[in-house]
Amino acid sequence: MMTTADTTDHTFGPIKDIGYANQPATPLDMGAGQINPNKALDPGLIYDVNSTDYVKLLCALNFTKEQIQTITKSPSNDCSSPSLDLNYPSFLAYFNARDSESNMTTVQEFHRTVTNVGEEMSTYTGNLTRMKGLNISVTPSKLEFKAKNEKLSYKLVIEGPRKIEEASRYHKTGAIMFWALLRKLPNKNSASKPL
C-alpha cells in the first residue's frame, strides 16, 4: 500500500501538516501518503519482506535477545547477519551526527529487490527529486521486466557531506528526505517511495 499511496490531497494539492502551519507535509510527517485502495489492487511492483528480514533489522538496531523474542514470539532468532537495509519501499539517510566534521563525506547505499505483479514486459524508470549538496544515483536507472512475478534489483546511493549546514524543516533532524519514483512506461503504474 505504501507504493500506491497518494501524496496529494483530494484537491490534488500537497498533503498539509496541520501541526506546522499547514505547510506541505514531509515523508516523516505523512509517511507514504494517503492510502488509495483502488491503486493498491494493481500495484505493479511489490517489495517482498519476511520475518527473517525484520529480525535482522531488530538485531542491527541493537534490540536485546529478550526484546526480539517479545516482538517475534519466537525463542530462536538469528542475529548472525544484522542489517539496517530492509527491503522496504522507503529510505532514510542520516547526516549531522554529533561527532561529524563538516569536511567529511559519507556514502550511504540501499539495495532493493522488487517483484513485478503487473503486466509482463513492463519497464520502470527511476526519477529522483535531487537535493542541494547531495549526489544521488540509482543503478540501474531502468528496470525492464519480461515476465509477471519476475524479480529485479536496484541500488540507491546517496553521497554527500557528513554535516549538512543548511537548516530547514526537511533535514533539521539530520534525516535527509526526498521522493523517488519508479514509474512504469507508459505511466500506467507508478511506485512512489519516500526517502
Protein backbone atom coordinates (compact mmCIF):
# COMPACT_ATOMS: atom_id res chain seq x y z
CA MET A 1 0.00 0.00 0.00
CA MET A 2 2.97 2.31 0.50
CA THR A 3 3.94 2.26 -3.16
CA THR A 4 0.42 3.17 -4.32
CA ALA A 5 -0.39 5.84 -1.72
CA ASP A 6 -1.31 9.34 -2.88
CA THR A 7 0.97 12.22 -1.94
CA THR A 8 -1.67 14.78 -2.86
CA ASP A 9 -4.99 15.51 -1.17
CA HIS A 10 -8.47 15.45 -2.73
CA THR A 11 -7.83 18.84 -4.38
CA PHE A 12 -4.63 17.46 -5.97
CA GLY A 13 -2.57 19.82 -3.82
CA PRO A 14 0.17 18.63 -1.46
CA ILE A 15 -0.90 16.94 1.79
CA LYS A 16 -0.61 19.56 4.53
CA ASP A 17 0.89 19.28 8.01
CA ILE A 18 -1.62 20.93 10.35
CA GLY A 19 0.99 20.86 13.11
CA TYR A 20 3.30 23.04 11.05
CA ALA A 21 1.04 25.91 9.92
CA ASN A 22 -0.48 23.87 7.08
CA GLN A 23 2.83 23.72 5.21
CA PRO A 24 3.32 20.83 2.78
CA ALA A 25 3.96 17.63 4.74
CA THR A 26 7.28 15.80 4.52
CA PRO A 27 7.60 12.00 4.35
CA LEU A 28 8.31 11.97 8.09
CA ASP A 29 5.01 13.82 8.64
CA MET A 30 2.78 11.71 6.42
CA GLY A 31 4.67 8.51 5.69
CA ALA A 32 3.98 7.27 2.17
CA GLY A 33 0.80 9.36 1.90
CA GLN A 34 -2.91 8.63 1.88
CA ILE A 35 -3.92 5.05 1.14
CA ASN A 36 -5.51 4.62 -2.27
CA PRO A 37 -7.39 1.27 -2.21
CA ASN A 38 -8.04 1.28 -5.97
CA LYS A 39 -4.36 1.67 -6.82
CA ALA A 40 -3.44 -0.92 -4.17
CA LEU A 41 -5.39 -3.55 -6.15
CA ASP A 42 -2.90 -3.17 -9.01
CA PRO A 43 0.43 -2.00 -7.54
CA GLY A 44 2.64 -3.06 -10.45
CA LEU A 45 5.63 -3.69 -8.16
CA ILE A 46 5.92 -5.11 -4.66
CA TYR A 47 8.76 -5.31 -2.14
CA ASP A 48 8.95 -8.74 -0.51
CA VAL A 49 9.92 -8.78 3.17
CA ASN A 50 9.73 -11.74 5.52
CA SER A 51 10.04 -12.22 9.28
CA THR A 52 13.76 -13.07 9.00
CA ASP A 53 14.38 -9.67 7.38
CA TYR A 54 12.67 -7.91 10.29
CA VAL A 55 14.71 -9.92 12.81
CA LYS A 56 17.91 -8.82 11.03
CA LEU A 57 16.70 -5.22 11.32
CA LEU A 58 15.93 -5.56 15.04
CA CYS A 59 19.39 -7.06 15.58
CA ALA A 60 21.03 -4.17 13.70
CA LEU A 61 19.07 -1.72 15.86
CA ASN A 62 20.66 -3.36 18.92
CA PHE A 63 17.49 -4.82 20.36
CA THR A 64 18.27 -7.37 23.06
CA LYS A 65 17.53 -11.07 22.63
CA GLU A 66 14.65 -10.71 25.10
CA GLN A 67 13.17 -7.73 23.25
CA ILE A 68 13.34 -9.56 19.93
CA GLN A 69 11.68 -12.62 21.47
CA THR A 70 8.90 -10.43 22.84
CA ILE A 71 8.28 -8.97 19.39
CA THR A 72 8.59 -12.18 17.37
CA LYS A 73 7.04 -14.55 19.92
CA SER A 74 9.82 -16.97 18.96
CA PRO A 75 12.58 -18.33 21.22
CA SER A 76 15.03 -18.70 18.33
CA ASN A 77 16.11 -15.64 16.36
CA ASP A 78 19.31 -15.48 14.32
CA CYS A 79 21.35 -12.27 14.77
CA SER A 80 24.42 -13.54 12.90
CA SER A 81 23.88 -11.15 9.97
CA PRO A 82 22.21 -7.95 11.21
CA SER A 83 21.18 -5.43 8.56
CA LEU A 84 19.64 -1.95 8.56
CA ASP A 85 18.93 -2.33 4.84
CA LEU A 86 15.39 -3.71 4.94
CA ASN A 87 13.86 -4.47 1.52
CA TYR A 88 11.24 -1.80 2.06
CA PRO A 89 9.84 0.89 -0.23
CA SER A 90 11.34 3.75 1.77
CA PHE A 91 14.81 5.00 2.60
CA LEU A 92 16.14 7.22 5.37
CA ALA A 93 19.69 8.55 5.35
CA TYR A 94 21.09 10.17 8.49
CA PHE A 95 23.57 13.01 8.49
CA ASN A 96 24.74 15.54 11.08
CA ALA A 97 25.86 13.03 13.68
CA ARG A 98 27.13 14.73 16.82
CA ASP A 99 30.68 13.69 16.02
CA SER A 100 30.50 14.81 12.37
CA GLU A 101 33.12 17.12 10.99
CA SER A 102 31.93 19.45 8.25
CA ASN A 103 34.73 18.46 5.86
CA MET A 104 33.96 14.72 5.92
CA THR A 105 31.81 12.97 3.32
CA THR A 106 29.65 9.89 3.60
CA VAL A 107 28.18 7.40 1.19
CA GLN A 108 25.01 5.51 2.05
CA GLU A 109 23.86 2.61 -0.11
CA PHE A 110 20.47 0.95 -0.18
CA HIS A 111 19.73 -2.29 -2.04
CA ARG A 112 16.18 -3.23 -3.03
CA THR A 113 14.53 -6.08 -4.89
CA VAL A 114 11.10 -5.66 -6.44
CA THR A 115 8.69 -8.20 -7.89
CA ASN A 116 6.62 -7.42 -10.95
CA VAL A 117 3.00 -8.30 -10.14
CA GLY A 118 1.72 -6.24 -13.06
CA GLU A 119 1.81 -6.83 -16.77
CA GLU A 120 4.54 -8.77 -18.50
CA MET A 121 7.00 -6.68 -20.47
CA SER A 122 6.88 -3.76 -18.01
CA THR A 123 9.54 -1.08 -17.75
CA TYR A 124 10.08 1.20 -14.75
CA THR A 125 12.47 4.14 -14.57
CA GLY A 126 13.82 5.90 -11.51
CA ASN A 127 13.02 9.59 -11.08
CA LEU A 128 14.59 11.41 -8.15
CA THR A 129 13.96 14.78 -6.58
CA ARG A 130 17.51 15.99 -6.06
CA MET A 131 18.70 17.90 -3.00
CA LYS A 132 21.39 20.56 -2.98
CA GLY A 133 24.79 19.22 -1.93
CA LEU A 134 23.97 15.55 -2.43
CA ASN A 135 24.85 13.19 -5.26
CA ILE A 136 22.08 10.64 -5.66
CA SER A 137 22.07 7.79 -8.12
CA VAL A 138 20.02 4.71 -8.91
CA THR A 139 21.61 1.73 -10.65
CA PRO A 140 20.29 0.53 -12.97
CA SER A 141 18.23 3.57 -13.94
CA LYS A 142 15.67 1.36 -15.67
CA LEU A 143 14.12 -1.96 -14.66
CA GLU A 144 12.83 -3.98 -17.61
CA PHE A 145 10.60 -6.91 -16.66
CA LYS A 146 9.93 -9.63 -19.19
CA ALA A 147 7.51 -11.72 -17.10
CA LYS A 148 4.98 -11.49 -14.32
CA ASN A 149 6.47 -12.36 -10.87
CA GLU A 150 9.99 -11.64 -12.15
CA LYS A 151 12.31 -10.10 -9.55
CA LEU A 152 14.83 -7.37 -10.32
CA SER A 153 17.13 -5.41 -8.02
CA TYR A 154 18.42 -1.87 -7.89
CA LYS A 155 20.78 0.17 -5.74
CA LEU A 156 20.28 3.72 -4.47
CA VAL A 157 23.44 5.62 -3.47
CA ILE A 158 23.44 8.92 -1.56
CA GLU A 159 26.76 10.72 -1.29
CA GLY A 160 27.30 14.00 0.49
CA PRO A 161 28.84 15.82 3.41
CA ARG A 162 28.59 14.20 6.84
CA LYS A 163 27.40 17.55 8.16
CA ILE A 164 24.77 19.48 6.27
CA GLU A 165 24.86 23.15 7.11
CA GLU A 166 21.55 24.26 5.62
CA ALA A 167 18.88 24.16 8.31
CA SER A 168 15.40 23.54 7.07
CA ARG A 169 12.35 21.66 8.12
CA TYR A 170 13.26 18.89 5.70
CA HIS A 171 16.55 17.96 7.30
CA LYS A 172 16.87 19.80 10.60
CA THR A 173 16.97 16.45 12.39
CA GLY A 174 19.81 15.18 10.22
CA ALA A 175 17.48 12.95 8.23
CA ILE A 176 17.58 13.54 4.51
CA MET A 177 14.25 13.12 2.79
CA PHE A 178 13.26 13.18 -0.83
CA TRP A 179 10.91 11.31 -3.09
CA ALA A 180 11.92 8.63 -5.52
CA LEU A 181 9.60 7.25 -8.07
CA LEU A 182 9.76 4.10 -10.09
CA ARG A 183 7.50 4.97 -12.99
CA LYS A 184 6.15 2.48 -15.46
CA LEU A 185 6.43 3.43 -19.08
CA PRO A 186 3.94 4.47 -20.47
CA ASN A 187 2.93 5.59 -16.96
CA LYS A 188 0.12 3.15 -16.08
CA ASN A 189 1.57 2.24 -12.70
CA SER A 190 3.99 4.10 -10.55
CA ALA A 191 5.53 3.00 -7.29
CA SER A 192 6.33 6.01 -5.14
CA LYS A 193 8.62 5.78 -2.13
CA PRO A 194 9.55 8.31 0.50
CA LEU A 195 13.26 8.62 1.08
